[in-house]
């Protein structure tokens, strides 16, 4: 039986999106790369696949392959993420499954946000990406997916951070970058130290935690890679299947533009004994 849902509309300064598992899907290529890595280092693949998503590659390799030194890790990260791209490219050439693609609803939602900006260039950009992936991988994977015609003005990658999700730093950087790239917004300068005013959209529990710890006004957890129960348990304010349940609209012009996001969210489960 489908979970009961509720429709909510929220006003936000902007939306901070995770990338893999939220906007785009590189799962086949990522899984194949982990399979190769598990064979190479004799890892428990089942454990790796159950716990790797949402963390930076450097943190995953540090956890799963403790024999690697800190000097060796950067090269291994590049090798790992480059391999994802190679496998995806091979899939495209061969016509087999495994290419990097946009996830359901992602292209439409970004088009709605971008359309508001196209109608009135004085409006703030409305969205940014905050990913655990490195710049080298993310800046190839994002355009390969076809999810949007151009990069957002703010694109935070894992190698720009000294601490990855679930630490708040990635989303703090995303909010700061978005504010600097935007015209004045309702939260403006007084909230420079947090992500207040922003909606964080995530598919992985570490990302949900990161958004909450950064002080985001709202965090939406998608069920594209994890069960809704895990998203609720980590503090999500809303949970839905994917971005087909989300839409955007703008109101106002010039410096007074307002961005509204509508979410068809599952109802929060009632805790036993509550």
C-alpha atoms as a PDB file:
ATOM      1  CA  UNK A   1       0.000   0.000   0.000  1.00  0.00           C
ATOM      2  CA  UNK A   2       1.337   3.436  -0.953  1.00  0.00           C
ATOM      3  CA  UNK A   3       2.155   5.765   1.904  1.00  0.00           C
ATOM      4  CA  UNK A   4      -0.296   8.657   2.420  1.00  0.00           C
ATOM      5  CA  UNK A   5       0.942  11.941   0.978  1.00  0.00           C
ATOM      6  CA  UNK A   6       0.521  15.640   1.603  1.00  0.00           C
ATOM      7  CA  UNK A   7       1.105  18.579  -0.713  1.00  0.00           C
ATOM      8  CA  UNK A   8       3.213  21.414   0.677  1.00  0.00           C
ATOM      9  CA  UNK A   9       4.482  24.623  -0.887  1.00  0.00           C
ATOM     10  CA  UNK A  10       7.462  26.436   0.596  1.00  0.00           C
ATOM     11  CA  UNK A  11       9.191  29.701  -0.251  1.00  0.00           C
ATOM     12  CA  UNK A  12      12.978  29.436  -0.465  1.00  0.00           C
ATOM     13  CA  UNK A  13      15.977  31.527  -1.427  1.00  0.00           C
ATOM     14  CA  UNK A  14      17.213  28.651  -3.557  1.00  0.00           C
ATOM     15  CA  UNK A  15      17.603  24.889  -3.858  1.00  0.00           C
ATOM     16  CA  UNK A  16      20.859  23.079  -3.087  1.00  0.00           C
ATOM     17  CA  UNK A  17      20.904  19.773  -4.965  1.00  0.00           C
ATOM     18  CA  UNK A  18      23.102  16.774  -4.429  1.00  0.00           C
ATOM     19  CA  UNK A  19      24.087  15.360  -7.831  1.00  0.00           C
ATOM     20  CA  UNK A  20      24.460  11.549  -8.103  1.00  0.00           C
ATOM     21  CA  UNK A  21      21.273   9.796  -7.051  1.00  0.00           C
ATOM     22  CA  UNK A  22      19.387  13.088  -6.926  1.00  0.00           C
ATOM     23  CA  UNK A  23      19.696  14.751 -10.330  1.00  0.00           C
ATOM     24  CA  UNK A  24      21.610  12.126 -12.294  1.00  0.00           C
ATOM     25  CA  UNK A  25      22.108   8.371 -12.220  1.00  0.00           C
ATOM     26  CA  UNK A  26      25.541   6.831 -12.662  1.00  0.00           C
ATOM     27  CA  UNK A  27      24.715   3.722 -10.616  1.00  0.00           C
ATOM     28  CA  UNK A  28      25.723   1.032 -13.164  1.00  0.00           C
ATOM     29  CA  UNK A  29      29.127   2.629 -13.769  1.00  0.00           C
ATOM     30  CA  UNK A  30      29.718   3.290 -10.065  1.00  0.00           C
ATOM     31  CA  UNK A  31      28.758  -0.268  -9.134  1.00  0.00           C
ATOM     32  CA  UNK A  32      31.040  -1.702 -11.807  1.00  0.00           C
ATOM     33  CA  UNK A  33      33.908   0.447 -10.536  1.00  0.00           C
ATOM     34  CA  UNK A  34      33.352  -0.742  -6.971  1.00  0.00           C
ATOM     35  CA  UNK A  35      33.296  -4.349  -8.186  1.00  0.00           C
ATOM     36  CA  UNK A  36      36.697  -3.848  -9.811  1.00  0.00           C
ATOM     37  CA  UNK A  37      38.024  -2.085  -6.712  1.00  0.00           C
ATOM     38  CA  UNK A  38      36.720  -4.817  -4.409  1.00  0.00           C
ATOM     39  CA  UNK A  39      38.520  -7.480  -6.451  1.00  0.00           C
ATOM     40  CA  UNK A  40      41.709  -5.439  -6.518  1.00  0.00           C
ATOM     41  CA  UNK A  41      41.808  -4.892  -2.739  1.00  0.00           C
ATOM     42  CA  UNK A  42      39.912  -8.035  -1.643  1.00  0.00           C
ATOM     43  CA  UNK A  43      37.020  -6.082  -0.126  1.00  0.00           C
ATOM     44  CA  UNK A  44      33.615  -7.260   1.064  1.00  0.00           C
ATOM     45  CA  UNK A  45      31.611  -5.902  -1.879  1.00  0.00           C
ATOM     46  CA  UNK A  46      28.253  -6.311  -0.158  1.00  0.00           C
ATOM     47  CA  UNK A  47      29.414  -4.224   2.811  1.00  0.00           C
ATOM     48  CA  UNK A  48      30.954  -1.607   0.524  1.00  0.00           C
ATOM     49  CA  UNK A  49      27.800  -1.218  -1.554  1.00  0.00           C
ATOM     50  CA  UNK A  50      25.631  -0.972   1.555  1.00  0.00           C
ATOM     51  CA  UNK A  51      27.656   1.833   3.130  1.00  0.00           C
ATOM     52  CA  UNK A  52      29.484   3.806   0.419  1.00  0.00           C
ATOM     53  CA  UNK A  53      26.787   6.065  -1.007  1.00  0.00           C
ATOM     54  CA  UNK A  54      26.852   9.744  -0.122  1.00  0.00           C
ATOM     55  CA  UNK A  55      30.467   9.816   1.059  1.00  0.00           C
ATOM     56  CA  UNK A  56      33.416  11.298  -0.800  1.00  0.00           C
ATOM     57  CA  UNK A  57      35.561   8.758  -2.633  1.00  0.00           C
ATOM     58  CA  UNK A  58      38.568   9.713  -0.523  1.00  0.00           C
ATOM     59  CA  UNK A  59      36.646   8.902   2.668  1.00  0.00           C
ATOM     60  CA  UNK A  60      35.351   5.623   1.272  1.00  0.00           C
ATOM     61  CA  UNK A  61      38.823   4.507   0.228  1.00  0.00           C
ATOM     62  CA  UNK A  62      40.222   5.607   3.570  1.00  0.00           C
ATOM     63  CA  UNK A  63      37.630   3.440   5.351  1.00  0.00           C
ATOM     64  CA  UNK A  64      37.623   0.416   3.073  1.00  0.00           C
ATOM     65  CA  UNK A  65      41.325   0.291   2.162  1.00  0.00           C
ATOM     66  CA  UNK A  66      43.206   1.391   5.301  1.00  0.00           C
ATOM     67  CA  UNK A  67      46.445   0.110   3.791  1.00  0.00           C
ATOM     68  CA  UNK A  68      46.499   3.119   1.450  1.00  0.00           C
ATOM     69  CA  UNK A  69      48.629   5.963   2.760  1.00  0.00           C
ATOM     70  CA  UNK A  70      47.478   9.573   2.738  1.00  0.00           C
ATOM     71  CA  UNK A  71      50.008  10.226  -0.022  1.00  0.00           C
ATOM     72  CA  UNK A  72      48.538   7.428  -2.140  1.00  0.00           C
ATOM     73  CA  UNK A  73      44.881   8.376  -1.676  1.00  0.00           C
ATOM     74  CA  UNK A  74      44.642  11.343  -4.100  1.00  0.00           C
ATOM     75  CA  UNK A  75      45.868   9.270  -7.044  1.00  0.00           C
ATOM     76  CA  UNK A  76      43.502   6.439  -6.123  1.00  0.00           C
ATOM     77  CA  UNK A  77      40.568   8.863  -6.014  1.00  0.00           C
ATOM     78  CA  UNK A  78      41.396  10.106  -9.512  1.00  0.00           C
ATOM     79  CA  UNK A  79      41.763   6.532 -10.762  1.00  0.00           C
ATOM     80  CA  UNK A  80      38.420   5.500  -9.239  1.00  0.00           C
ATOM     81  CA  UNK A  81      36.362   8.430 -10.497  1.00  0.00           C
ATOM     82  CA  UNK A  82      38.001   8.376 -13.925  1.00  0.00           C
ATOM     83  CA  UNK A  83      37.050   4.730 -14.217  1.00  0.00           C
ATOM     84  CA  UNK A  84      33.382   5.587 -13.607  1.00  0.00           C
ATOM     85  CA  UNK A  85      33.509   7.977 -16.542  1.00  0.00           C
ATOM     86  CA  UNK A  86      35.303   5.447 -18.731  1.00  0.00           C
ATOM     87  CA  UNK A  87      32.729   2.732 -18.052  1.00  0.00           C
ATOM     88  CA  UNK A  88      29.854   5.127 -18.744  1.00  0.00           C
ATOM     89  CA  UNK A  89      31.500   6.265 -21.992  1.00  0.00           C
ATOM     90  CA  UNK A  90      32.007   2.653 -23.062  1.00  0.00           C
ATOM     91  CA  UNK A  91      28.299   2.021 -22.456  1.00  0.00           C
ATOM     92  CA  UNK A  92      27.360   4.934 -24.704  1.00  0.00           C
ATOM     93  CA  UNK A  93      29.619   3.709 -27.513  1.00  0.00           C
ATOM     94  CA  UNK A  94      28.338   0.146 -27.302  1.00  0.00           C
ATOM     95  CA  UNK A  95      24.707   1.111 -26.888  1.00  0.00           C
ATOM     96  CA  UNK A  96      24.482  -0.934 -23.699  1.00  0.00           C
ATOM     97  CA  UNK A  97      22.964   0.182 -20.364  1.00  0.00           C
ATOM     98  CA  UNK A  98      25.323   2.054 -18.071  1.00  0.00           C
ATOM     99  CA  UNK A  99      25.421   5.582 -19.455  1.00  0.00           C
ATOM    100  CA  UNK A 100      25.074   8.512 -17.063  1.00  0.00           C
ATOM    101  CA  UNK A 101      21.495   9.792 -17.360  1.00  0.00           C
ATOM    102  CA  UNK A 102      19.177  12.282 -15.698  1.00  0.00           C
ATOM    103  CA  UNK A 103      16.795  10.935 -13.072  1.00  0.00           C
ATOM    104  CA  UNK A 104      12.999  11.184 -13.453  1.00  0.00           C
ATOM    105  CA  UNK A 105      11.705  14.701 -12.873  1.00  0.00           C
ATOM    106  CA  UNK A 106      15.138  16.322 -12.577  1.00  0.00           C
ATOM    107  CA  UNK A 107      15.289  17.863 -16.034  1.00  0.00           C
ATOM    108  CA  UNK A 108      11.759  19.239 -15.735  1.00  0.00           C
ATOM    109  CA  UNK A 109      12.340  20.771 -12.291  1.00  0.00           C
ATOM    110  CA  UNK A 110      15.581  22.494 -13.296  1.00  0.00           C
ATOM    111  CA  UNK A 111      13.866  23.788 -16.441  1.00  0.00           C
ATOM    112  CA  UNK A 112      11.124  25.342 -14.304  1.00  0.00           C
ATOM    113  CA  UNK A 113      13.678  27.102 -12.114  1.00  0.00           C
ATOM    114  CA  UNK A 114      15.770  28.195 -15.085  1.00  0.00           C
ATOM    115  CA  UNK A 115      12.703  29.439 -16.974  1.00  0.00           C
ATOM    116  CA  UNK A 116      11.994  31.912 -14.213  1.00  0.00           C
ATOM    117  CA  UNK A 117      15.542  33.222 -14.504  1.00  0.00           C
ATOM    118  CA  UNK A 118      15.286  33.423 -18.300  1.00  0.00           C
ATOM    119  CA  UNK A 119      12.118  35.515 -18.040  1.00  0.00           C
ATOM    120  CA  UNK A 120      13.801  37.967 -15.680  1.00  0.00           C
ATOM    121  CA  UNK A 121      17.647  37.964 -15.577  1.00  0.00           C
ATOM    122  CA  UNK A 122      17.612  40.060 -12.385  1.00  0.00           C
ATOM    123  CA  UNK A 123      16.299  37.070 -10.468  1.00  0.00           C
ATOM    124  CA  UNK A 124      18.794  35.012  -8.488  1.00  0.00           C
ATOM    125  CA  UNK A 125      19.847  31.721 -10.069  1.00  0.00           C
ATOM    126  CA  UNK A 126      17.626  29.629  -7.826  1.00  0.00           C
ATOM    127  CA  UNK A 127      19.717  26.468  -7.631  1.00  0.00           C
ATOM    128  CA  UNK A 128      23.182  25.064  -6.992  1.00  0.00           C
ATOM    129  CA  UNK A 129      24.897  21.689  -6.841  1.00  0.00           C
ATOM    130  CA  UNK A 130      26.638  20.328  -3.743  1.00  0.00           C
ATOM    131  CA  UNK A 131      28.223  16.964  -4.529  1.00  0.00           C
ATOM    132  CA  UNK A 132      30.694  14.652  -2.822  1.00  0.00           C
ATOM    133  CA  UNK A 133      32.277  13.897  -6.204  1.00  0.00           C
ATOM    134  CA  UNK A 134      35.499  15.555  -7.334  1.00  0.00           C
ATOM    135  CA  UNK A 135      35.465  18.388  -9.857  1.00  0.00           C
ATOM    136  CA  UNK A 136      37.197  16.212 -12.462  1.00  0.00           C
ATOM    137  CA  UNK A 137      34.363  13.679 -12.374  1.00  0.00           C
ATOM    138  CA  UNK A 138      31.398  15.967 -11.655  1.00  0.00           C
ATOM    139  CA  UNK A 139      32.173  18.417 -14.453  1.00  0.00           C
ATOM    140  CA  UNK A 140      32.071  15.518 -16.934  1.00  0.00           C
ATOM    141  CA  UNK A 141      29.168  13.561 -15.463  1.00  0.00           C
ATOM    142  CA  UNK A 142      26.779  16.497 -15.134  1.00  0.00           C
ATOM    143  CA  UNK A 143      26.780  17.566 -18.801  1.00  0.00           C
ATOM    144  CA  UNK A 144      26.911  13.928 -19.951  1.00  0.00           C
ATOM    145  CA  UNK A 145      23.567  13.305 -18.251  1.00  0.00           C
ATOM    146  CA  UNK A 146      21.786  16.017 -20.227  1.00  0.00           C
ATOM    147  CA  UNK A 147      19.919  17.113 -17.103  1.00  0.00           C
ATOM    148  CA  UNK A 148      20.459  20.840 -17.779  1.00  0.00           C
ATOM    149  CA  UNK A 149      21.874  22.913 -20.652  1.00  0.00           C
ATOM    150  CA  UNK A 150      24.491  24.624 -18.474  1.00  0.00           C
ATOM    151  CA  UNK A 151      26.236  24.447 -15.124  1.00  0.00           C
ATOM    152  CA  UNK A 152      24.700  26.337 -12.198  1.00  0.00           C
ATOM    153  CA  UNK A 153      26.590  29.409 -11.012  1.00  0.00           C
ATOM    154  CA  UNK A 154      27.499  27.597  -7.798  1.00  0.00           C
ATOM    155  CA  UNK A 155      28.896  24.063  -8.128  1.00  0.00           C
ATOM    156  CA  UNK A 156      30.464  22.726  -4.924  1.00  0.00           C
ATOM    157  CA  UNK A 157      32.518  19.543  -5.337  1.00  0.00           C
ATOM    158  CA  UNK A 158      34.083  17.278  -2.746  1.00  0.00           C
ATOM    159  CA  UNK A 159      37.614  18.492  -3.386  1.00  0.00           C
ATOM    160  CA  UNK A 160      36.598  22.039  -2.417  1.00  0.00           C
ATOM    161  CA  UNK A 161      35.811  20.805   1.098  1.00  0.00           C
ATOM    162  CA  UNK A 162      38.099  19.887   3.956  1.00  0.00           C
ATOM    163  CA  UNK A 163      35.290  17.782   5.443  1.00  0.00           C
ATOM    164  CA  UNK A 164      32.652  15.867   3.508  1.00  0.00           C
ATOM    165  CA  UNK A 165      29.035  14.999   4.202  1.00  0.00           C
ATOM    166  CA  UNK A 166      27.617  14.427   6.842  1.00  0.00           C
ATOM    167  CA  UNK A 167      29.705  17.395   8.004  1.00  0.00           C
ATOM    168  CA  UNK A 168      27.801  20.651   7.356  1.00  0.00           C
ATOM    169  CA  UNK A 169      30.661  22.266   5.425  1.00  0.00           C
ATOM    170  CA  UNK A 170      29.551  21.267   1.890  1.00  0.00           C
ATOM    171  CA  UNK A 171      26.111  22.830   2.253  1.00  0.00           C
ATOM    172  CA  UNK A 172      27.484  25.844   4.095  1.00  0.00           C
ATOM    173  CA  UNK A 173      29.726  26.451   1.077  1.00  0.00           C
ATOM    174  CA  UNK A 174      26.782  25.895  -1.254  1.00  0.00           C
ATOM    175  CA  UNK A 175      24.620  28.440   0.543  1.00  0.00           C
ATOM    176  CA  UNK A 176      27.457  30.962   0.718  1.00  0.00           C
ATOM    177  CA  UNK A 177      28.226  30.590  -2.978  1.00  0.00           C
ATOM    178  CA  UNK A 178      24.568  30.922  -3.890  1.00  0.00           C
ATOM    179  CA  UNK A 179      24.196  34.099  -1.864  1.00  0.00           C
ATOM    180  CA  UNK A 180      27.264  35.627  -3.473  1.00  0.00           C
ATOM    181  CA  UNK A 181      25.960  34.765  -6.950  1.00  0.00           C
ATOM    182  CA  UNK A 182      22.455  36.066  -6.281  1.00  0.00           C
ATOM    183  CA  UNK A 183      20.674  39.349  -6.003  1.00  0.00           C
ATOM    184  CA  UNK A 184      19.423  40.158  -2.486  1.00  0.00           C
ATOM    185  CA  UNK A 185      17.197  37.429  -1.088  1.00  0.00           C
ATOM    186  CA  UNK A 186      14.942  37.233   1.982  1.00  0.00           C
ATOM    187  CA  UNK A 187      17.569  35.689   4.272  1.00  0.00           C
ATOM    188  CA  UNK A 188      20.374  37.988   2.979  1.00  0.00           C
ATOM    189  CA  UNK A 189      23.476  38.756   4.990  1.00  0.00           C
ATOM    190  CA  UNK A 190      22.257  37.901   8.486  1.00  0.00           C
ATOM    191  CA  UNK A 191      22.368  34.167   7.777  1.00  0.00           C
ATOM    192  CA  UNK A 192      25.807  33.971   6.130  1.00  0.00           C
ATOM    193  CA  UNK A 193      26.925  31.360   8.678  1.00  0.00           C
ATOM    194  CA  UNK A 194      24.268  28.791   7.799  1.00  0.00           C
ATOM    195  CA  UNK A 195      22.006  27.540   5.029  1.00  0.00           C
ATOM    196  CA  UNK A 196      18.828  29.152   6.352  1.00  0.00           C
ATOM    197  CA  UNK A 197      16.420  29.986   3.559  1.00  0.00           C
ATOM    198  CA  UNK A 198      17.504  27.038   1.402  1.00  0.00           C
ATOM    199  CA  UNK A 199      15.975  23.686   0.501  1.00  0.00           C
ATOM    200  CA  UNK A 200      18.495  20.842   0.405  1.00  0.00           C
ATOM    201  CA  UNK A 201      17.577  17.896  -1.847  1.00  0.00           C
ATOM    202  CA  UNK A 202      19.396  14.626  -1.145  1.00  0.00           C
ATOM    203  CA  UNK A 203      19.188  10.898  -1.747  1.00  0.00           C
ATOM    204  CA  UNK A 204      21.755   9.720   0.819  1.00  0.00           C
ATOM    205  CA  UNK A 205      21.467   9.820   4.624  1.00  0.00           C
ATOM    206  CA  UNK A 206      24.905  11.491   5.058  1.00  0.00           C
ATOM    207  CA  UNK A 207      23.701  14.296   2.782  1.00  0.00           C
ATOM    208  CA  UNK A 208      20.436  14.674   4.676  1.00  0.00           C
ATOM    209  CA  UNK A 209      22.440  15.016   7.886  1.00  0.00           C
ATOM    210  CA  UNK A 210      24.804  17.506   6.247  1.00  0.00           C
ATOM    211  CA  UNK A 211      21.905  19.705   5.177  1.00  0.00           C
ATOM    212  CA  UNK A 212      20.305  19.614   8.620  1.00  0.00           C
ATOM    213  CA  UNK A 213      23.598  20.383  10.351  1.00  0.00           C
ATOM    214  CA  UNK A 214      24.165  23.307   7.976  1.00  0.00           C
ATOM    215  CA  UNK A 215      20.917  24.845   9.179  1.00  0.00           C
ATOM    216  CA  UNK A 216      18.954  24.476   5.944  1.00  0.00           C
ATOM    217  CA  UNK A 217      15.356  25.564   6.394  1.00  0.00           C
ATOM    218  CA  UNK A 218      14.150  22.387   4.707  1.00  0.00           C
ATOM    219  CA  UNK A 219      15.671  19.052   3.681  1.00  0.00           C
ATOM    220  CA  UNK A 220      13.979  16.765   1.158  1.00  0.00           C
ATOM    221  CA  UNK A 221      15.042  13.123   1.125  1.00  0.00           C
ATOM    222  CA  UNK A 222      14.475  11.170  -2.083  1.00  0.00           C
ATOM    223  CA  UNK A 223      13.910   7.412  -2.203  1.00  0.00           C
ATOM    224  CA  UNK A 224      16.017   6.919  -5.334  1.00  0.00           C
ATOM    225  CA  UNK A 225      18.757   5.044  -3.455  1.00  0.00           C
ATOM    226  CA  UNK A 226      17.577   4.685   0.153  1.00  0.00           C
ATOM    227  CA  UNK A 227      14.339   3.817   1.910  1.00  0.00           C
ATOM    228  CA  UNK A 228      12.168   6.642   3.145  1.00  0.00           C
ATOM    229  CA  UNK A 229      12.534   5.366   6.705  1.00  0.00           C
ATOM    230  CA  UNK A 230      16.266   6.142   6.585  1.00  0.00           C
ATOM    231  CA  UNK A 231      15.602   9.668   5.327  1.00  0.00           C
ATOM    232  CA  UNK A 232      13.094  10.360   8.089  1.00  0.00           C
ATOM    233  CA  UNK A 233      15.468   8.865  10.683  1.00  0.00           C
ATOM    234  CA  UNK A 234      18.209  11.275   9.625  1.00  0.00           C
ATOM    235  CA  UNK A 235      15.999  14.331   9.953  1.00  0.00           C
ATOM    236  CA  UNK A 236      14.410  14.888   6.538  1.00  0.00           C
ATOM    237  CA  UNK A 237      11.506  17.342   6.588  1.00  0.00           C
ATOM    238  CA  UNK A 238       9.945  15.823   3.476  1.00  0.00           C
ATOM    239  CA  UNK A 239      10.322  12.490   1.675  1.00  0.00           C
ATOM    240  CA  UNK A 240       9.222  11.517  -1.835  1.00  0.00           C
ATOM    241  CA  UNK A 241      10.044   8.926  -4.485  1.00  0.00           C
ATOM    242  CA  UNK A 242      11.926  11.233  -6.874  1.00  0.00           C
ATOM    243  CA  UNK A 243      11.790  14.719  -8.395  1.00  0.00           C
ATOM    244  CA  UNK A 244       8.603  13.987 -10.320  1.00  0.00           C
ATOM    245  CA  UNK A 245       6.938  14.919  -7.029  1.00  0.00           C
ATOM    246  CA  UNK A 246       8.537  18.391  -6.987  1.00  0.00           C
ATOM    247  CA  UNK A 247       7.767  21.542  -9.005  1.00  0.00           C
ATOM    248  CA  UNK A 248       8.873  25.186  -8.946  1.00  0.00           C
ATOM    249  CA  UNK A 249       7.407  28.586  -9.759  1.00  0.00           C
ATOM    250  CA  UNK A 250       8.501  32.208  -9.436  1.00  0.00           C
ATOM    251  CA  UNK A 251       6.511  35.241  -8.324  1.00  0.00           C
ATOM    252  CA  UNK A 252       7.480  38.903  -8.639  1.00  0.00           C
ATOM    253  CA  UNK A 253      10.058  40.704 -10.724  1.00  0.00           C
ATOM    254  CA  UNK A 254      13.338  42.577 -10.391  1.00  0.00           C
ATOM    255  CA  UNK A 255      14.878  42.367  -6.917  1.00  0.00           C
ATOM    256  CA  UNK A 256      11.649  41.123  -5.347  1.00  0.00           C
ATOM    257  CA  UNK A 257      11.421  37.751  -7.121  1.00  0.00           C
ATOM    258  CA  UNK A 258      10.260  34.887  -4.907  1.00  0.00           C
ATOM    259  CA  UNK A 259      10.838  31.185  -5.542  1.00  0.00           C
ATOM    260  CA  UNK A 260       8.227  28.645  -4.456  1.00  0.00           C
ATOM    261  CA  UNK A 261       8.721  24.879  -4.393  1.00  0.00           C
ATOM    262  CA  UNK A 262       5.797  22.450  -4.236  1.00  0.00           C
ATOM    263  CA  UNK A 263       6.460  18.962  -2.864  1.00  0.00           C
ATOM    264  CA  UNK A 264       4.145  15.968  -2.809  1.00  0.00           C
ATOM    265  CA  UNK A 265       5.641  14.421   0.322  1.00  0.00           C
ATOM    266  CA  UNK A 266       4.907  11.223   2.141  1.00  0.00           C
ATOM    267  CA  UNK A 267       3.372  11.746   5.547  1.00  0.00           C
ATOM    268  CA  UNK A 268       5.889  11.449   8.352  1.00  0.00           C
ATOM    269  CA  UNK A 269       5.480   8.044  10.024  1.00  0.00           C
ATOM    270  CA  UNK A 270       3.955   8.083  13.483  1.00  0.00           C
ATOM    271  CA  UNK A 271       6.432   6.745  16.006  1.00  0.00           C
ATOM    272  CA  UNK A 272       5.288   3.845  18.128  1.00  0.00           C
ATOM    273  CA  UNK A 273       4.112   5.009  21.518  1.00  0.00           C
ATOM    274  CA  UNK A 274       3.650   8.584  20.284  1.00  0.00           C
END
